[in-house]
Amino acid sequence: ANAQYWIGYSHFAQKDYKGALAQQQKLIAVYPASNKVPDALFNIAASQLALNDTAAARKTLKEIVAKHPGTQAATLAARRLAELK
């Protein structure tokens, strides 16, 4: 799961946002119980924002806050949601 996360993150760093989305979604599908899931979701939201899909990003950020409270990703997601309003 950790390696899969970094594969997705490397796509994001190279501004391949669609590739990042696909790799992070793969992590969630293959490793649904991983502690990397909240971070993968946050990377998905960032990719969605980069692709100008604000509605999807907002939904993803709300999912992080609701399903992964207490994680750093949830804290960051709540901040990002506040910025989007």
N, C-alpha and C. Protein backbone atom coordinates (compact mmCIF):
# COMPACT_ATOMS: atom_id res chain seq x y z
N ALA A 1 0.83 -1.20 0.00
CA ALA A 1 0.00 0.00 0.00
C ALA A 1 0.87 1.26 0.00
N ASN A 2 1.95 1.21 0.78
CA ASN A 2 2.82 2.38 0.85
C ASN A 2 3.46 2.67 -0.52
N ALA A 3 3.94 1.62 -1.17
CA ALA A 3 4.54 1.81 -2.49
C ALA A 3 3.51 2.31 -3.49
N GLN A 4 2.30 1.77 -3.43
CA GLN A 4 1.23 2.22 -4.34
C GLN A 4 0.92 3.69 -4.13
N TYR A 5 0.89 4.12 -2.87
CA TYR A 5 0.65 5.54 -2.57
C TYR A 5 1.71 6.41 -3.24
N TRP A 6 2.97 6.02 -3.10
CA TRP A 6 4.04 6.84 -3.65
C TRP A 6 4.07 6.82 -5.18
N ILE A 7 3.62 5.73 -5.77
CA ILE A 7 3.48 5.71 -7.23
C ILE A 7 2.46 6.78 -7.64
N GLY A 8 1.33 6.80 -6.94
CA GLY A 8 0.31 7.81 -7.24
C GLY A 8 0.82 9.21 -6.98
N TYR A 9 1.53 9.38 -5.88
CA TYR A 9 2.04 10.71 -5.54
C TYR A 9 3.06 11.18 -6.59
N SER A 10 3.86 10.26 -7.12
CA SER A 10 4.84 10.65 -8.14
C SER A 10 4.14 11.14 -9.40
N HIS A 11 3.01 10.53 -9.74
CA HIS A 11 2.23 11.03 -10.88
C HIS A 11 1.76 12.45 -10.60
N PHE A 12 1.28 12.68 -9.37
CA PHE A 12 0.81 14.01 -8.99
C PHE A 12 1.95 15.03 -9.09
N ALA A 13 3.12 14.67 -8.59
CA ALA A 13 4.27 15.57 -8.60
C ALA A 13 4.69 15.93 -10.03
N GLN A 14 4.42 15.02 -10.96
CA GLN A 14 4.76 15.27 -12.36
C GLN A 14 3.60 15.94 -13.11
N LYS A 15 2.58 16.35 -12.36
CA LYS A 15 1.38 17.01 -12.91
C LYS A 15 0.56 16.11 -13.82
N ASP A 16 0.71 14.79 -13.62
CA ASP A 16 -0.13 13.80 -14.32
C ASP A 16 -1.28 13.47 -13.37
N TYR A 17 -2.25 14.39 -13.32
CA TYR A 17 -3.32 14.28 -12.33
C TYR A 17 -4.25 13.10 -12.60
N LYS A 18 -4.50 12.79 -13.86
CA LYS A 18 -5.33 11.63 -14.17
C LYS A 18 -4.63 10.34 -13.76
N GLY A 19 -3.32 10.27 -13.99
CA GLY A 19 -2.54 9.12 -13.56
C GLY A 19 -2.53 9.00 -12.04
N ALA A 20 -2.41 10.12 -11.37
CA ALA A 20 -2.44 10.12 -9.90
C ALA A 20 -3.77 9.60 -9.39
N LEU A 21 -4.86 10.07 -9.99
CA LEU A 21 -6.19 9.59 -9.61
C LEU A 21 -6.28 8.08 -9.75
N ALA A 22 -5.86 7.57 -10.89
CA ALA A 22 -5.97 6.14 -11.16
C ALA A 22 -5.15 5.32 -10.16
N GLN A 23 -3.93 5.77 -9.85
CA GLN A 23 -3.06 5.01 -8.95
C GLN A 23 -3.58 5.05 -7.51
N GLN A 24 -4.09 6.20 -7.09
CA GLN A 24 -4.61 6.29 -5.72
C GLN A 24 -5.92 5.51 -5.58
N GLN A 25 -6.74 5.51 -6.62
CA GLN A 25 -7.97 4.71 -6.59
C GLN A 25 -7.63 3.23 -6.54
N LYS A 26 -6.55 2.83 -7.20
CA LYS A 26 -6.09 1.44 -7.15
C LYS A 26 -5.69 1.08 -5.72
N LEU A 27 -4.97 1.97 -5.05
CA LEU A 27 -4.59 1.72 -3.66
C LEU A 27 -5.83 1.45 -2.81
N ILE A 28 -6.85 2.30 -2.94
CA ILE A 28 -8.06 2.16 -2.14
C ILE A 28 -8.78 0.86 -2.46
N ALA A 29 -8.80 0.47 -3.73
CA ALA A 29 -9.48 -0.77 -4.12
C ALA A 29 -8.75 -2.01 -3.62
N VAL A 30 -7.42 -2.01 -3.71
CA VAL A 30 -6.64 -3.19 -3.36
C VAL A 30 -6.34 -3.27 -1.86
N TYR A 31 -6.18 -2.12 -1.22
CA TYR A 31 -5.82 -2.08 0.21
C TYR A 31 -6.80 -1.21 1.00
N PRO A 32 -8.08 -1.57 1.04
CA PRO A 32 -9.08 -0.70 1.67
C PRO A 32 -8.88 -0.46 3.16
N ALA A 33 -8.15 -1.33 3.84
CA ALA A 33 -7.93 -1.17 5.28
C ALA A 33 -6.59 -0.49 5.60
N SER A 34 -5.86 -0.08 4.58
CA SER A 34 -4.55 0.52 4.79
C SER A 34 -4.65 1.87 5.48
N ASN A 35 -3.62 2.18 6.28
CA ASN A 35 -3.57 3.50 6.89
C ASN A 35 -3.19 4.58 5.88
N LYS A 36 -2.88 4.20 4.65
CA LYS A 36 -2.58 5.17 3.58
C LYS A 36 -3.84 5.65 2.87
N VAL A 37 -4.99 5.04 3.14
CA VAL A 37 -6.22 5.41 2.45
C VAL A 37 -6.57 6.90 2.64
N PRO A 38 -6.53 7.44 3.86
CA PRO A 38 -6.86 8.87 3.99
C PRO A 38 -5.93 9.76 3.17
N ASP A 39 -4.63 9.43 3.16
CA ASP A 39 -3.67 10.22 2.37
C ASP A 39 -3.93 10.07 0.87
N ALA A 40 -4.29 8.86 0.46
CA ALA A 40 -4.62 8.64 -0.95
C ALA A 40 -5.85 9.45 -1.34
N LEU A 41 -6.84 9.47 -0.46
CA LEU A 41 -8.04 10.27 -0.74
C LEU A 41 -7.70 11.75 -0.83
N PHE A 42 -6.81 12.21 0.03
CA PHE A 42 -6.43 13.63 -0.03
C PHE A 42 -5.71 13.93 -1.34
N ASN A 43 -4.88 13.00 -1.79
CA ASN A 43 -4.20 13.18 -3.06
C ASN A 43 -5.21 13.16 -4.21
N ILE A 44 -6.24 12.33 -4.09
CA ILE A 44 -7.30 12.30 -5.09
C ILE A 44 -8.00 13.67 -5.14
N ALA A 45 -8.32 14.21 -3.98
CA ALA A 45 -8.98 15.53 -3.94
C ALA A 45 -8.09 16.61 -4.56
N ALA A 46 -6.81 16.57 -4.26
CA ALA A 46 -5.89 17.55 -4.84
C ALA A 46 -5.82 17.40 -6.36
N SER A 47 -5.85 16.17 -6.84
CA SER A 47 -5.85 15.93 -8.28
C SER A 47 -7.14 16.43 -8.91
N GLN A 48 -8.25 16.19 -8.23
CA GLN A 48 -9.54 16.67 -8.74
C GLN A 48 -9.56 18.19 -8.83
N LEU A 49 -9.00 18.85 -7.83
CA LEU A 49 -8.92 20.31 -7.87
C LEU A 49 -8.04 20.77 -9.03
N ALA A 50 -6.92 20.09 -9.23
CA ALA A 50 -6.01 20.45 -10.32
C ALA A 50 -6.68 20.26 -11.68
N LEU A 51 -7.63 19.33 -11.75
CA LEU A 51 -8.37 19.07 -12.99
C LEU A 51 -9.65 19.92 -13.07
N ASN A 52 -9.79 20.88 -12.15
CA ASN A 52 -10.95 21.78 -12.10
C ASN A 52 -12.27 21.07 -11.86
N ASP A 53 -12.23 19.98 -11.12
CA ASP A 53 -13.45 19.26 -10.75
C ASP A 53 -13.71 19.54 -9.26
N THR A 54 -14.12 20.77 -9.00
CA THR A 54 -14.30 21.22 -7.62
C THR A 54 -15.39 20.44 -6.90
N ALA A 55 -16.46 20.10 -7.57
CA ALA A 55 -17.55 19.36 -6.93
C ALA A 55 -17.06 17.99 -6.44
N ALA A 56 -16.32 17.29 -7.27
CA ALA A 56 -15.79 15.97 -6.88
C ALA A 56 -14.79 16.12 -5.74
N ALA A 57 -13.95 17.15 -5.82
CA ALA A 57 -12.96 17.38 -4.76
C ALA A 57 -13.65 17.65 -3.43
N ARG A 58 -14.68 18.47 -3.46
CA ARG A 58 -15.42 18.78 -2.24
C ARG A 58 -16.01 17.50 -1.63
N LYS A 59 -16.57 16.64 -2.48
CA LYS A 59 -17.14 15.37 -2.02
C LYS A 59 -16.06 14.48 -1.40
N THR A 60 -14.91 14.40 -2.04
CA THR A 60 -13.80 13.59 -1.54
C THR A 60 -13.30 14.14 -0.20
N LEU A 61 -13.16 15.44 -0.10
CA LEU A 61 -12.69 16.05 1.14
C LEU A 61 -13.68 15.79 2.28
N LYS A 62 -14.97 15.88 1.99
CA LYS A 62 -15.99 15.59 3.01
C LYS A 62 -15.92 14.13 3.44
N GLU A 63 -15.64 13.24 2.50
CA GLU A 63 -15.50 11.81 2.82
C GLU A 63 -14.33 11.58 3.77
N ILE A 64 -13.22 12.27 3.54
CA ILE A 64 -12.05 12.12 4.42
C ILE A 64 -12.41 12.55 5.84
N VAL A 65 -13.04 13.71 5.96
CA VAL A 65 -13.41 14.23 7.29
C VAL A 65 -14.37 13.28 8.00
N ALA A 66 -15.34 12.73 7.25
CA ALA A 66 -16.35 11.87 7.86
C ALA A 66 -15.83 10.48 8.22
N LYS A 67 -15.04 9.89 7.32
CA LYS A 67 -14.64 8.49 7.51
C LYS A 67 -13.29 8.30 8.18
N HIS A 68 -12.49 9.36 8.26
CA HIS A 68 -11.14 9.23 8.81
C HIS A 68 -10.83 10.33 9.82
N PRO A 69 -11.73 10.53 10.81
CA PRO A 69 -11.48 11.59 11.79
C PRO A 69 -10.21 11.31 12.60
N GLY A 70 -9.56 12.37 12.99
CA GLY A 70 -8.36 12.22 13.80
C GLY A 70 -7.08 12.01 13.01
N THR A 71 -7.20 11.88 11.69
CA THR A 71 -6.00 11.72 10.87
C THR A 71 -5.52 13.08 10.39
N GLN A 72 -4.25 13.14 10.03
CA GLN A 72 -3.72 14.39 9.48
C GLN A 72 -4.45 14.75 8.19
N ALA A 73 -4.81 13.74 7.41
CA ALA A 73 -5.53 13.99 6.16
C ALA A 73 -6.88 14.65 6.44
N ALA A 74 -7.56 14.24 7.52
CA ALA A 74 -8.85 14.84 7.87
C ALA A 74 -8.67 16.30 8.26
N THR A 75 -7.62 16.59 9.00
CA THR A 75 -7.34 17.98 9.39
C THR A 75 -7.08 18.84 8.15
N LEU A 76 -6.26 18.32 7.24
CA LEU A 76 -5.96 19.04 6.01
C LEU A 76 -7.21 19.18 5.13
N ALA A 77 -8.02 18.14 5.10
CA ALA A 77 -9.24 18.18 4.29
C ALA A 77 -10.21 19.23 4.83
N ALA A 78 -10.33 19.32 6.14
CA ALA A 78 -11.22 20.33 6.73
C ALA A 78 -10.74 21.74 6.38
N ARG A 79 -9.44 21.95 6.41
CA ARG A 79 -8.88 23.26 6.03
C ARG A 79 -9.16 23.56 4.57
N ARG A 80 -8.94 22.57 3.73
CA ARG A 80 -9.15 22.77 2.28
C ARG A 80 -10.62 23.06 2.00
N LEU A 81 -11.51 22.38 2.69
CA LEU A 81 -12.96 22.64 2.52
C LEU A 81 -13.29 24.07 2.89
N ALA A 82 -12.72 24.55 3.99
CA ALA A 82 -12.97 25.92 4.41
C ALA A 82 -12.48 26.92 3.36
N GLU A 83 -11.37 26.61 2.71
CA GLU A 83 -10.84 27.48 1.67
C GLU A 83 -11.71 27.49 0.42
N LEU A 84 -12.42 26.39 0.17
CA LEU A 84 -13.24 26.28 -1.04
C LEU A 84 -14.56 27.04 -0.93
N LYS A 85 -14.95 27.41 0.28
CA LYS A 85 -16.26 28.07 0.46
C LYS A 85 -16.22 29.53 0.08
